[in-house]
C-alpha atoms as a PDB file:
ATOM      1  CA  MET A   1       0.000   0.000   0.000  1.00  0.00           C
ATOM      2  CA  SER A   2       1.318   3.461  -0.932  1.00  0.00           C
ATOM      3  CA  ALA A   3       1.042   6.121   1.790  1.00  0.00           C
ATOM      4  CA  GLY A   4       0.449   9.801   1.135  1.00  0.00           C
ATOM      5  CA  ASN A   5      -1.640  11.680  -1.362  1.00  0.00           C
ATOM      6  CA  VAL A   6      -1.412  13.601  -4.630  1.00  0.00           C
ATOM      7  CA  CYS A   7      -0.139  16.734  -2.895  1.00  0.00           C
ATOM      8  CA  ASP A   8       2.849  14.743  -1.686  1.00  0.00           C
ATOM      9  CA  LEU A   9       3.621  13.688  -5.268  1.00  0.00           C
ATOM     10  CA  GLY A  10       3.133  17.006  -7.039  1.00  0.00           C
ATOM     11  CA  GLU A  11       2.023  17.309 -10.653  1.00  0.00           C
ATOM     12  CA  PHE A  12       5.098  15.825 -12.293  1.00  0.00           C
ATOM     13  CA  GLY A  13       5.446  13.084  -9.744  1.00  0.00           C
ATOM     14  CA  LEU A  14       1.813  12.185 -10.424  1.00  0.00           C
ATOM     15  CA  ILE A  15       2.468  12.023 -14.175  1.00  0.00           C
ATOM     16  CA  ASP A  16       5.576   9.907 -13.658  1.00  0.00           C
ATOM     17  CA  ARG A  17       3.662   7.502 -11.457  1.00  0.00           C
ATOM     18  CA  ILE A  18       0.869   6.992 -14.008  1.00  0.00           C
ATOM     19  CA  THR A  19       3.167   6.685 -17.041  1.00  0.00           C
ATOM     20  CA  ALA A  20       6.012   4.639 -15.552  1.00  0.00           C
ATOM     21  CA  GLY A  21       7.165   1.933 -17.934  1.00  0.00           C
ATOM     22  CA  LEU A  22       5.262   3.141 -21.002  1.00  0.00           C
ATOM     23  CA  ARG A  23       7.198   2.765 -24.253  1.00  0.00           C
ATOM     24  CA  ALA A  24       6.538   3.667 -27.874  1.00  0.00           C
ATOM     25  CA  SER A  25       6.095   0.774 -30.314  1.00  0.00           C
ATOM     26  CA  GLY A  26       4.221  -0.193 -33.467  1.00  0.00           C
ATOM     27  CA  PRO A  27       2.234   2.727 -34.902  1.00  0.00           C
ATOM     28  CA  VAL A  28       3.119   4.829 -31.842  1.00  0.00           C
ATOM     29  CA  ARG A  29       6.333   6.487 -33.023  1.00  0.00           C
ATOM     30  CA  LEU A  30       6.679   8.811 -30.047  1.00  0.00           C
ATOM     31  CA  GLY A  31       4.768   8.348 -26.821  1.00  0.00           C
ATOM     32  CA  VAL A  32       4.859   9.850 -23.342  1.00  0.00           C
ATOM     33  CA  GLY A  33       7.563  12.404 -22.519  1.00  0.00           C
ATOM     34  CA  ASP A  34       7.242  15.136 -25.153  1.00  0.00           C
ATOM     35  CA  ASP A  35       4.759  17.904 -25.870  1.00  0.00           C
ATOM     36  CA  ALA A  36       2.773  15.606 -28.161  1.00  0.00           C
ATOM     37  CA  ALA A  37       2.666  11.979 -29.179  1.00  0.00           C
ATOM     38  CA  VAL A  38       3.357  10.949 -32.780  1.00  0.00           C
ATOM     39  CA  LEU A  39       1.461   8.152 -34.555  1.00  0.00           C
ATOM     40  CA  ARG A  40       1.879   6.520 -37.956  1.00  0.00           C
ATOM     41  CA  LEU A  41      -1.409   5.261 -39.372  1.00  0.00           C
ATOM     42  CA  ALA A  42      -2.449   3.279 -42.430  1.00  0.00           C
ATOM     43  CA  GLY A  43      -5.634   5.222 -43.081  1.00  0.00           C
ATOM     44  CA  ASP A  44      -7.895   7.994 -41.838  1.00  0.00           C
ATOM     45  CA  LEU A  45      -7.937   8.774 -38.129  1.00  0.00           C
ATOM     46  CA  ALA A  46     -11.072   8.260 -36.025  1.00  0.00           C
ATOM     47  CA  VAL A  47     -11.132  10.292 -32.802  1.00  0.00           C
ATOM     48  CA  SER A  48     -13.602  10.175 -29.909  1.00  0.00           C
ATOM     49  CA  THR A  49     -13.656  11.619 -26.389  1.00  0.00           C
ATOM     50  CA  ASP A  50     -15.509  10.460 -23.299  1.00  0.00           C
ATOM     51  CA  THR A  51     -15.690  12.163 -19.887  1.00  0.00           C
ATOM     52  CA  MET A  52     -16.410  10.513 -16.543  1.00  0.00           C
ATOM     53  CA  VAL A  53     -17.293  12.591 -13.468  1.00  0.00           C
ATOM     54  CA  GLU A  54     -17.162  11.282  -9.920  1.00  0.00           C
ATOM     55  CA  ASN A  55     -20.648  10.674  -8.468  1.00  0.00           C
ATOM     56  CA  VAL A  56     -22.175  10.924 -11.941  1.00  0.00           C
ATOM     57  CA  HIS A  57     -20.453   8.067 -13.800  1.00  0.00           C
ATOM     58  CA  PHE A  58     -18.819   6.293 -10.860  1.00  0.00           C
ATOM     59  CA  ARG A  59     -18.708   6.341  -7.089  1.00  0.00           C
ATOM     60  CA  ARG A  60     -15.623   5.522  -5.088  1.00  0.00           C
ATOM     61  CA  ASP A  61     -17.672   3.550  -2.560  1.00  0.00           C
ATOM     62  CA  TRP A  62     -18.973   1.355  -5.394  1.00  0.00           C
ATOM     63  CA  SER A  63     -15.946   1.072  -7.681  1.00  0.00           C
ATOM     64  CA  SER A  64     -12.257   0.613  -7.003  1.00  0.00           C
ATOM     65  CA  ALA A  65      -9.674   2.886  -8.606  1.00  0.00           C
ATOM     66  CA  GLU A  66      -8.716   0.028 -10.923  1.00  0.00           C
ATOM     67  CA  ASP A  67     -12.378  -0.353 -11.952  1.00  0.00           C
ATOM     68  CA  VAL A  68     -12.507   3.353 -12.821  1.00  0.00           C
ATOM     69  CA  GLY A  69      -9.357   3.074 -14.933  1.00  0.00           C
ATOM     70  CA  HIS A  70     -10.846   0.155 -16.864  1.00  0.00           C
ATOM     71  CA  LYS A  71     -14.122   1.980 -17.402  1.00  0.00           C
ATOM     72  CA  ALA A  72     -12.520   5.226 -18.585  1.00  0.00           C
ATOM     73  CA  VAL A  73     -10.661   3.448 -21.382  1.00  0.00           C
ATOM     74  CA  ALA A  74     -13.459   1.022 -22.278  1.00  0.00           C
ATOM     75  CA  ALA A  75     -16.166   3.685 -22.631  1.00  0.00           C
ATOM     76  CA  CYS A  76     -13.954   5.749 -24.907  1.00  0.00           C
ATOM     77  CA  VAL A  77     -12.603   2.958 -27.102  1.00  0.00           C
ATOM     78  CA  ALA A  78     -16.097   1.519 -27.670  1.00  0.00           C
ATOM     79  CA  ASP A  79     -16.888   4.593 -29.775  1.00  0.00           C
ATOM     80  CA  ALA A  80     -13.953   3.867 -32.081  1.00  0.00           C
ATOM     81  CA  GLU A  81     -15.045   0.236 -32.346  1.00  0.00           C
ATOM     82  CA  ALA A  82     -18.464   1.460 -33.459  1.00  0.00           C
ATOM     83  CA  MET A  83     -16.841   3.228 -36.431  1.00  0.00           C
ATOM     84  CA  GLY A  84     -15.052   0.058 -37.509  1.00  0.00           C
ATOM     85  CA  ALA A  85     -11.692   1.566 -36.516  1.00  0.00           C
ATOM     86  CA  VAL A  86      -8.763  -0.111 -34.779  1.00  0.00           C
ATOM     87  CA  PRO A  87      -7.775   1.664 -31.521  1.00  0.00           C
ATOM     88  CA  ILE A  88      -4.130   2.735 -31.541  1.00  0.00           C
ATOM     89  CA  ALA A  89      -3.640   5.247 -28.742  1.00  0.00           C
ATOM     90  CA  VAL A  90      -5.415   6.739 -25.735  1.00  0.00           C
ATOM     91  CA  VAL A  91      -4.871  10.170 -24.155  1.00  0.00           C
ATOM     92  CA  ILE A  92      -6.232  10.846 -20.664  1.00  0.00           C
ATOM     93  CA  ALA A  93      -6.811  14.152 -18.858  1.00  0.00           C
ATOM     94  CA  LEU A  94      -7.139  13.563 -15.121  1.00  0.00           C
ATOM     95  CA  SER A  95      -8.460  16.166 -12.677  1.00  0.00           C
ATOM     96  CA  LEU A  96      -8.614  15.290  -8.990  1.00  0.00           C
ATOM     97  CA  PRO A  97      -8.445  16.656  -5.447  1.00  0.00           C
ATOM     98  CA  GLY A  98      -5.042  17.062  -3.853  1.00  0.00           C
ATOM     99  CA  ASP A  99      -5.992  14.741  -1.007  1.00  0.00           C
ATOM    100  CA  THR A 100      -6.600  11.800  -3.353  1.00  0.00           C
ATOM    101  CA  PRO A 101      -4.554   8.898  -1.942  1.00  0.00           C
ATOM    102  CA  ILE A 102      -1.540   7.719  -3.916  1.00  0.00           C
ATOM    103  CA  GLU A 103      -2.990   4.224  -3.585  1.00  0.00           C
ATOM    104  CA  TRP A 104      -5.971   5.379  -5.674  1.00  0.00           C
ATOM    105  CA  ILE A 105      -3.659   6.742  -8.376  1.00  0.00           C
ATOM    106  CA  ASP A 106      -1.736   3.466  -8.524  1.00  0.00           C
ATOM    107  CA  GLY A 107      -4.944   1.451  -8.874  1.00  0.00           C
ATOM    108  CA  PHE A 108      -6.296   3.762 -11.566  1.00  0.00           C
ATOM    109  CA  ALA A 109      -3.064   3.459 -13.559  1.00  0.00           C
ATOM    110  CA  VAL A 110      -3.240  -0.347 -13.358  1.00  0.00           C
ATOM    111  CA  GLY A 111      -6.817  -0.363 -14.655  1.00  0.00           C
ATOM    112  CA  VAL A 112      -5.954   1.978 -17.524  1.00  0.00           C
ATOM    113  CA  GLN A 113      -2.965  -0.101 -18.587  1.00  0.00           C
ATOM    114  CA  ILE A 114      -4.782  -3.455 -18.448  1.00  0.00           C
ATOM    115  CA  GLU A 115      -7.713  -2.099 -20.450  1.00  0.00           C
ATOM    116  CA  CYS A 116      -5.346  -0.573 -23.013  1.00  0.00           C
ATOM    117  CA  ASP A 117      -3.708  -3.971 -23.361  1.00  0.00           C
ATOM    118  CA  ARG A 118      -7.117  -5.586 -23.871  1.00  0.00           C
ATOM    119  CA  CYS A 119      -8.134  -3.236 -26.669  1.00  0.00           C
ATOM    120  CA  GLY A 120      -4.702  -3.041 -28.288  1.00  0.00           C
ATOM    121  CA  ALA A 121      -4.129   0.686 -27.678  1.00  0.00           C
ATOM    122  CA  ARG A 122      -1.331   2.478 -25.847  1.00  0.00           C
ATOM    123  CA  LEU A 123      -1.553   5.329 -23.366  1.00  0.00           C
ATOM    124  CA  VAL A 124       0.488   8.053 -25.066  1.00  0.00           C
ATOM    125  CA  GLY A 125      -0.134  11.158 -22.983  1.00  0.00           C
ATOM    126  CA  GLY A 126      -2.651  13.484 -21.401  1.00  0.00           C
ATOM    127  CA  ASP A 127      -2.857  16.143 -18.720  1.00  0.00           C
ATOM    128  CA  THR A 128      -3.344  16.490 -14.970  1.00  0.00           C
ATOM    129  CA  THR A 129      -4.898  19.259 -12.913  1.00  0.00           C
ATOM    130  CA  SER A 130      -6.420  19.825  -9.497  1.00  0.00           C
ATOM    131  CA  ALA A 131     -10.194  19.835  -9.050  1.00  0.00           C
ATOM    132  CA  PRO A 132     -12.790  19.470  -6.270  1.00  0.00           C
ATOM    133  CA  GLN A 133     -13.748  15.986  -7.532  1.00  0.00           C
ATOM    134  CA  ILE A 134     -12.306  13.391  -9.870  1.00  0.00           C
ATOM    135  CA  VAL A 135     -12.964  14.061 -13.552  1.00  0.00           C
ATOM    136  CA  ILE A 136     -11.467  11.832 -16.256  1.00  0.00           C
ATOM    137  CA  THR A 137     -11.518  12.661 -19.949  1.00  0.00           C
ATOM    138  CA  ALA A 138     -10.220   9.934 -22.252  1.00  0.00           C
ATOM    139  CA  THR A 139      -9.619  10.375 -25.981  1.00  0.00           C
ATOM    140  CA  VAL A 140      -9.065   7.474 -28.338  1.00  0.00           C
ATOM    141  CA  LEU A 141      -7.169   7.705 -31.634  1.00  0.00           C
ATOM    142  CA  ALA A 142      -8.056   4.876 -33.997  1.00  0.00           C
ATOM    143  CA  ASP A 143      -6.977   3.773 -37.465  1.00  0.00           C
ATOM    144  CA  LEU A 144      -9.536   3.110 -40.189  1.00  0.00           C
ATOM    145  CA  GLY A 145      -6.886   1.336 -42.260  1.00  0.00           C
ATOM    146  CA  GLY A 146      -8.078   2.714 -45.565  1.00  0.00           C
ATOM    147  CA  ARG A 147     -11.704   1.670 -44.972  1.00  0.00           C
ATOM    148  CA  ALA A 148     -14.671   4.026 -44.924  1.00  0.00           C
ATOM    149  CA  PRO A 149     -16.064   4.614 -41.423  1.00  0.00           C
ATOM    150  CA  VAL A 150     -19.268   2.828 -40.477  1.00  0.00           C
ATOM    151  CA  THR A 151     -21.644   5.640 -39.535  1.00  0.00           C
ATOM    152  CA  ARG A 152     -25.131   5.859 -38.072  1.00  0.00           C
ATOM    153  CA  SER A 153     -26.659   7.003 -41.347  1.00  0.00           C
ATOM    154  CA  GLY A 154     -26.329   3.931 -43.563  1.00  0.00           C
ATOM    155  CA  ALA A 155     -29.136   1.630 -42.358  1.00  0.00           C
ATOM    156  CA  ARG A 156     -31.424   0.569 -45.211  1.00  0.00           C
ATOM    157  CA  PRO A 157     -34.895  -0.977 -45.343  1.00  0.00           C
ATOM    158  CA  GLY A 158     -34.438  -4.731 -45.562  1.00  0.00           C
ATOM    159  CA  ASP A 159     -31.349  -4.786 -43.312  1.00  0.00           C
ATOM    160  CA  VAL A 160     -31.370  -6.782 -40.102  1.00  0.00           C
ATOM    161  CA  VAL A 161     -30.356  -5.351 -36.728  1.00  0.00           C
ATOM    162  CA  ALA A 162     -27.803  -7.383 -34.773  1.00  0.00           C
ATOM    163  CA  MET A 163     -25.733  -6.948 -31.623  1.00  0.00           C
ATOM    164  CA  VAL A 164     -22.617  -8.359 -30.033  1.00  0.00           C
ATOM    165  CA  GLY A 165     -21.614  -8.023 -26.407  1.00  0.00           C
ATOM    166  CA  ARG A 166     -23.956  -7.705 -23.449  1.00  0.00           C
ATOM    167  CA  LEU A 167     -27.054  -5.636 -22.810  1.00  0.00           C
ATOM    168  CA  GLY A 168     -28.594  -4.758 -19.466  1.00  0.00           C
ATOM    169  CA  TRP A 169     -26.006  -6.256 -17.138  1.00  0.00           C
ATOM    170  CA  ALA A 170     -24.553  -2.922 -16.020  1.00  0.00           C
ATOM    171  CA  GLU A 171     -28.036  -1.438 -15.617  1.00  0.00           C
ATOM    172  CA  ALA A 172     -29.064  -4.335 -13.375  1.00  0.00           C
ATOM    173  CA  GLY A 173     -25.879  -3.781 -11.377  1.00  0.00           C
ATOM    174  CA  LEU A 174     -26.673  -0.087 -10.976  1.00  0.00           C
ATOM    175  CA  ALA A 175     -30.158  -0.964  -9.743  1.00  0.00           C
ATOM    176  CA  VAL A 176     -28.672  -3.311  -7.145  1.00  0.00           C
ATOM    177  CA  LEU A 177     -26.021  -0.857  -5.946  1.00  0.00           C
ATOM    178  CA  SER A 178     -28.505   2.009  -5.780  1.00  0.00           C
ATOM    179  CA  ARG A 179     -30.481   0.042  -3.219  1.00  0.00           C
ATOM    180  CA  GLY A 180     -27.475  -0.715  -1.054  1.00  0.00           C
ATOM    181  CA  PHE A 181     -26.899  -4.325  -2.121  1.00  0.00           C
ATOM    182  CA  ARG A 182     -23.883  -6.074  -3.646  1.00  0.00           C
ATOM    183  CA  SER A 183     -25.441  -9.142  -5.261  1.00  0.00           C
ATOM    184  CA  PRO A 184     -25.845 -10.757  -7.706  1.00  0.00           C
ATOM    185  CA  GLY A 185     -22.118 -10.151  -7.975  1.00  0.00           C
ATOM    186  CA  SER A 186     -22.064 -10.685 -11.748  1.00  0.00           C
ATOM    187  CA  VAL A 187     -24.194  -7.611 -12.468  1.00  0.00           C
ATOM    188  CA  VAL A 188     -22.336  -5.483  -9.910  1.00  0.00           C
ATOM    189  CA  VAL A 189     -19.040  -6.333 -11.609  1.00  0.00           C
ATOM    190  CA  ALA A 190     -20.623  -5.517 -14.981  1.00  0.00           C
ATOM    191  CA  HIS A 191     -21.535  -2.044 -13.740  1.00  0.00           C
ATOM    192  CA  ARG A 192     -18.020  -1.446 -12.459  1.00  0.00           C
ATOM    193  CA  VAL A 193     -16.100  -2.735 -15.506  1.00  0.00           C
ATOM    194  CA  PRO A 194     -17.671  -2.954 -19.001  1.00  0.00           C
ATOM    195  CA  GLN A 195     -16.839  -5.906 -21.231  1.00  0.00           C
ATOM    196  CA  VAL A 196     -16.505  -4.221 -24.613  1.00  0.00           C
ATOM    197  CA  PRO A 197     -16.449  -6.708 -27.522  1.00  0.00           C
ATOM    198  CA  TYR A 198     -13.076  -5.504 -28.795  1.00  0.00           C
ATOM    199  CA  GLY A 199     -12.300  -6.349 -32.402  1.00  0.00           C
ATOM    200  CA  GLN A 200     -15.940  -6.840 -33.357  1.00  0.00           C
ATOM    201  CA  GLY A 201     -16.270  -3.349 -34.789  1.00  0.00           C
ATOM    202  CA  LEU A 202     -13.626  -4.121 -37.390  1.00  0.00           C
ATOM    203  CA  ARG A 203     -15.226  -7.501 -37.995  1.00  0.00           C
ATOM    204  CA  ALA A 204     -18.600  -5.876 -38.619  1.00  0.00           C
ATOM    205  CA  ALA A 205     -17.070  -3.325 -40.971  1.00  0.00           C
ATOM    206  CA  GLU A 206     -15.340  -6.047 -42.963  1.00  0.00           C
ATOM    207  CA  ALA A 207     -18.647  -7.968 -43.142  1.00  0.00           C
ATOM    208  CA  GLY A 208     -20.326  -4.943 -44.729  1.00  0.00           C
ATOM    209  CA  ALA A 209     -22.189  -3.365 -41.806  1.00  0.00           C
ATOM    210  CA  THR A 210     -24.317  -0.514 -43.151  1.00  0.00           C
ATOM    211  CA  SER A 211     -24.529   1.333 -39.811  1.00  0.00           C
ATOM    212  CA  MET A 212     -23.223   0.818 -36.296  1.00  0.00           C
ATOM    213  CA  ILE A 213     -23.341   2.347 -32.812  1.00  0.00           C
ATOM    214  CA  ASP A 214     -22.132   1.465 -29.334  1.00  0.00           C
ATOM    215  CA  ILE A 215     -24.823   1.264 -26.671  1.00  0.00           C
ATOM    216  CA  SER A 216     -23.773   3.878 -24.150  1.00  0.00           C
ATOM    217  CA  ASP A 217     -27.138   5.458 -23.306  1.00  0.00           C
ATOM    218  CA  GLY A 218     -29.555   2.554 -23.819  1.00  0.00           C
ATOM    219  CA  LEU A 219     -30.614   0.423 -26.779  1.00  0.00           C
ATOM    220  CA  LEU A 220     -33.827   2.340 -27.494  1.00  0.00           C
ATOM    221  CA  ALA A 221     -32.110   5.721 -27.246  1.00  0.00           C
ATOM    222  CA  ASP A 222     -29.054   4.808 -29.283  1.00  0.00           C
ATOM    223  CA  LEU A 223     -30.958   2.979 -32.009  1.00  0.00           C
ATOM    224  CA  GLY A 224     -33.133   6.083 -32.131  1.00  0.00           C
ATOM    225  CA  HIS A 225     -30.028   7.978 -33.281  1.00  0.00           C
ATOM    226  CA  VAL A 226     -29.500   5.399 -36.048  1.00  0.00           C
ATOM    227  CA  ALA A 227     -33.142   5.581 -37.123  1.00  0.00           C
ATOM    228  CA  ALA A 228     -33.038   9.384 -37.261  1.00  0.00           C
ATOM    229  CA  ALA A 229     -29.708   9.564 -39.088  1.00  0.00           C
ATOM    230  CA  SER A 230     -30.725   6.899 -41.606  1.00  0.00           C
ATOM    231  CA  GLY A 231     -34.330   8.012 -42.072  1.00  0.00           C
ATOM    232  CA  VAL A 232     -35.727   4.552 -41.284  1.00  0.00           C
ATOM    233  CA  GLN A 233     -37.769   2.612 -38.768  1.00  0.00           C
ATOM    234  CA  ILE A 234     -36.115  -0.015 -36.612  1.00  0.00           C
ATOM    235  CA  GLU A 235     -38.328  -2.879 -35.488  1.00  0.00           C
ATOM    236  CA  LEU A 236     -37.131  -4.961 -32.536  1.00  0.00           C
ATOM    237  CA  ASP A 237     -38.539  -8.383 -31.666  1.00  0.00           C
ATOM    238  CA  SER A 238     -38.796  -8.984 -27.903  1.00  0.00           C
ATOM    239  CA  ALA A 239     -38.580 -12.746 -28.487  1.00  0.00           C
ATOM    240  CA  ALA A 240     -35.055 -12.294 -29.880  1.00  0.00           C
ATOM    241  CA  PHE A 241     -33.648 -11.050 -26.569  1.00  0.00           C
ATOM    242  CA  GLU A 242     -32.001 -13.474 -24.179  1.00  0.00           C
ATOM    243  CA  ILE A 243     -32.656 -12.489 -20.565  1.00  0.00           C
ATOM    244  CA  ALA A 244     -29.892 -13.728 -18.261  1.00  0.00           C
ATOM    245  CA  GLU A 245     -30.831 -15.302 -14.942  1.00  0.00           C
ATOM    246  CA  PRO A 246     -29.149 -12.549 -12.848  1.00  0.00           C
ATOM    247  CA  GLN A 247     -31.234  -9.921 -14.656  1.00  0.00           C
ATOM    248  CA  GLN A 248     -34.380 -11.906 -13.932  1.00  0.00           C
ATOM    249  CA  ALA A 249     -33.371 -12.223 -10.281  1.00  0.00           C
ATOM    250  CA  VAL A 250     -32.767  -8.485  -9.913  1.00  0.00           C
ATOM    251  CA  ALA A 251     -36.080  -7.597 -11.566  1.00  0.00           C
ATOM    252  CA  ALA A 252     -37.927 -10.000  -9.257  1.00  0.00           C
ATOM    253  CA  ALA A 253     -36.150  -8.663  -6.159  1.00  0.00           C
ATOM    254  CA  LEU A 254     -37.024  -5.092  -7.088  1.00  0.00           C
ATOM    255  CA  GLY A 255     -40.736  -5.721  -7.378  1.00  0.00           C
ATOM    256  CA  GLY A 256     -41.275  -7.926 -10.381  1.00  0.00           C
ATOM    257  CA  GLY A 257     -40.637  -5.467 -13.193  1.00  0.00           C
ATOM    258  CA  ASP A 258     -39.879  -6.630 -16.716  1.00  0.00           C
ATOM    259  CA  PRO A 259     -36.177  -7.632 -16.878  1.00  0.00           C
ATOM    260  CA  LEU A 260     -36.210  -6.799 -20.587  1.00  0.00           C
ATOM    261  CA  ASP A 261     -36.217  -3.134 -19.549  1.00  0.00           C
ATOM    262  CA  PHE A 262     -32.617  -3.526 -18.372  1.00  0.00           C
ATOM    263  CA  GLN A 263     -31.620  -4.434 -21.935  1.00  0.00           C
ATOM    264  CA  LEU A 264     -33.751  -1.776 -23.583  1.00  0.00           C
ATOM    265  CA  THR A 265     -32.569   1.131 -21.444  1.00  0.00           C
ATOM    266  CA  GLY A 266     -29.169   0.192 -19.952  1.00  0.00           C
ATOM    267  CA  GLY A 267     -26.089   1.431 -21.729  1.00  0.00           C
ATOM    268  CA  ASP A 268     -22.886   1.015 -19.766  1.00  0.00           C
ATOM    269  CA  ASP A 269     -22.116  -2.461 -21.120  1.00  0.00           C
ATOM    270  CA  HIS A 270     -21.086  -0.806 -24.423  1.00  0.00           C
ATOM    271  CA  ALA A 271     -22.404  -3.551 -26.676  1.00  0.00           C
ATOM    272  CA  LEU A 272     -22.152  -2.908 -30.413  1.00  0.00           C
ATOM    273  CA  VAL A 273     -25.310  -2.852 -32.517  1.00  0.00           C
ATOM    274  CA  ALA A 274     -25.146  -2.767 -36.308  1.00  0.00           C
ATOM    275  CA  THR A 275     -27.297  -3.222 -39.372  1.00  0.00           C
ATOM    276  CA  PHE A 276     -26.400  -5.715 -42.088  1.00  0.00           C
ATOM    277  CA  ALA A 277     -27.771  -7.281 -45.202  1.00  0.00           C
ATOM    278  CA  SER A 278     -29.516 -10.427 -43.954  1.00  0.00           C
ATOM    279  CA  THR A 279     -26.796 -12.682 -45.392  1.00  0.00           C
ATOM    280  CA  ALA A 280     -23.873 -10.703 -43.927  1.00  0.00           C
ATOM    281  CA  VAL A 281     -24.322 -11.002 -40.147  1.00  0.00           C
ATOM    282  CA  PRO A 282     -21.010 -12.149 -38.614  1.00  0.00           C
ATOM    283  CA  GLU A 283     -20.931 -15.316 -36.565  1.00  0.00           C
ATOM    284  CA  GLY A 284     -21.547 -14.590 -32.896  1.00  0.00           C
ATOM    285  CA  TRP A 285     -23.777 -11.567 -33.539  1.00  0.00           C
ATOM    286  CA  GLN A 286     -27.386 -11.877 -32.345  1.00  0.00           C
ATOM    287  CA  VAL A 287     -30.193 -10.655 -34.623  1.00  0.00           C
ATOM    288  CA  LEU A 288     -32.677  -8.481 -32.697  1.00  0.00           C
ATOM    289  CA  GLY A 289     -34.904  -7.131 -35.437  1.00  0.00           C
ATOM    290  CA  LYS A 290     -35.023  -5.451 -38.819  1.00  0.00           C
ATOM    291  CA  VAL A 291     -34.972  -2.126 -40.610  1.00  0.00           C
ATOM    292  CA  SER A 292     -38.035  -0.932 -42.512  1.00  0.00           C
ATOM    293  CA  ALA A 293     -39.187   2.152 -44.371  1.00  0.00           C
ATOM    294  CA  GLY A 294     -41.193   4.719 -42.476  1.00  0.00           C
ATOM    295  CA  LYS A 295     -41.011   7.698 -40.147  1.00  0.00           C
ATOM    296  CA  PRO A 296     -37.848   7.368 -38.050  1.00  0.00           C
ATOM    297  CA  ALA A 297     -38.657   5.468 -34.869  1.00  0.00           C
ATOM    298  CA  VAL A 298     -37.685   2.431 -32.828  1.00  0.00           C
ATOM    299  CA  LEU A 299     -40.517  -0.057 -32.347  1.00  0.00           C
ATOM    300  CA  LEU A 300     -40.767  -3.097 -30.086  1.00  0.00           C
ATOM    301  CA  ASP A 301     -43.092  -5.807 -31.368  1.00  0.00           C
ATOM    302  CA  GLY A 302     -44.621  -3.307 -33.760  1.00  0.00           C
ATOM    303  CA  ALA A 303     -45.325  -0.545 -31.243  1.00  0.00           C
ATOM    304  CA  VAL A 304     -43.475   2.210 -29.392  1.00  0.00           C
ATOM    305  CA  SER A 305     -42.044   0.737 -26.197  1.00  0.00           C
ATOM    306  CA  GLN A 306     -43.964   1.621 -23.039  1.00  0.00           C
ATOM    307  CA  THR A 307     -40.911   1.656 -20.785  1.00  0.00           C
ATOM    308  CA  ASN A 308     -40.757   4.776 -18.633  1.00  0.00           C
ATOM    309  CA  THR A 309     -36.969   5.109 -18.947  1.00  0.00           C
ATOM    310  CA  PRO A 310     -36.019   5.210 -22.649  1.00  0.00           C
ATOM    311  CA  GLY A 311     -32.337   5.867 -21.960  1.00  0.00           C
ATOM    312  CA  TRP A 312     -29.848   8.180 -20.265  1.00  0.00           C
ATOM    313  CA  GLN A 313     -29.656  11.875 -21.119  1.00  0.00           C
ATOM    314  CA  HIS A 314     -27.545  14.432 -19.277  1.00  0.00           C
ATOM    315  CA  PHE A 315     -29.395  17.625 -18.268  1.00  0.00           C
ATOM    316  CA  GLN A 316     -32.723  15.782 -18.352  1.00  0.00           C
ATOM    317  CA  GLN A 317     -34.948  16.629 -15.398  1.00  0.00           C
ATOM    318  CA  ARG A 318     -36.072  13.562 -13.503  1.00  0.00           C
ATOM    319  CA  SER A 319     -38.863  13.236 -11.001  1.00  0.00           C
END
């Protein structure tokens, strides 16, 4: 265990502690240690940024520092996956109180590095500053390798809608934690650390995906963005969803609600959902519905879903 806090380290000691052992290799020509990193890519660059704020996106009494490091990288890189790009590098800006324990910094750095290893990217730089609470902004730089990006606007009537990854596990975990419980452990872990289906974005792109998105705010909400951008209707079939036993258990424990709502409205698992020609769905992807002509909307079993929580939106007033 490391004693002391960030004030004891100072800014440059903090940076050294987070970046110790990082080396440039592969497409990263110059990494940590200069004013900017230098990358060599094979194609266009896809860039996405994601911010996590303490007590909005994570709580220190629910998640370890290592969990937070994992989540910061995973949430960011999932956006690059959804474009069909290969993650190359991650840049992180970290703001935190001066009394943050060094032990927390060490755990965060471990989580960041392990998640970077999982997705194939390298931490190449960032920034640090003091703040009243922890705020983490991660930016991913990803290589399209000469391919066109897979956008939200390419879904066509006649396509099928398919997903890979997990839906609703993190939302079930949030429901459990919000009520002061810690079980089922599988959904609690899912809330703390997403399991992004790394590599599947590229696989979908190579299979001819016509549109794609990562589920960060909820399936209904995010597919709504695809429907609007593409000018189509998306029809989901409730019978196509597989409800895991832990999700059923949580729904029953919380009053018998429909466990399907976890999958329709939960987003922090960062599953990928794409549209394909019916003959082009990659192995391992689960078909959930189809694309049809009509006023942009997302339908469940032919009707607008009656769930009261269609998905997460910042700045939305809640009763």
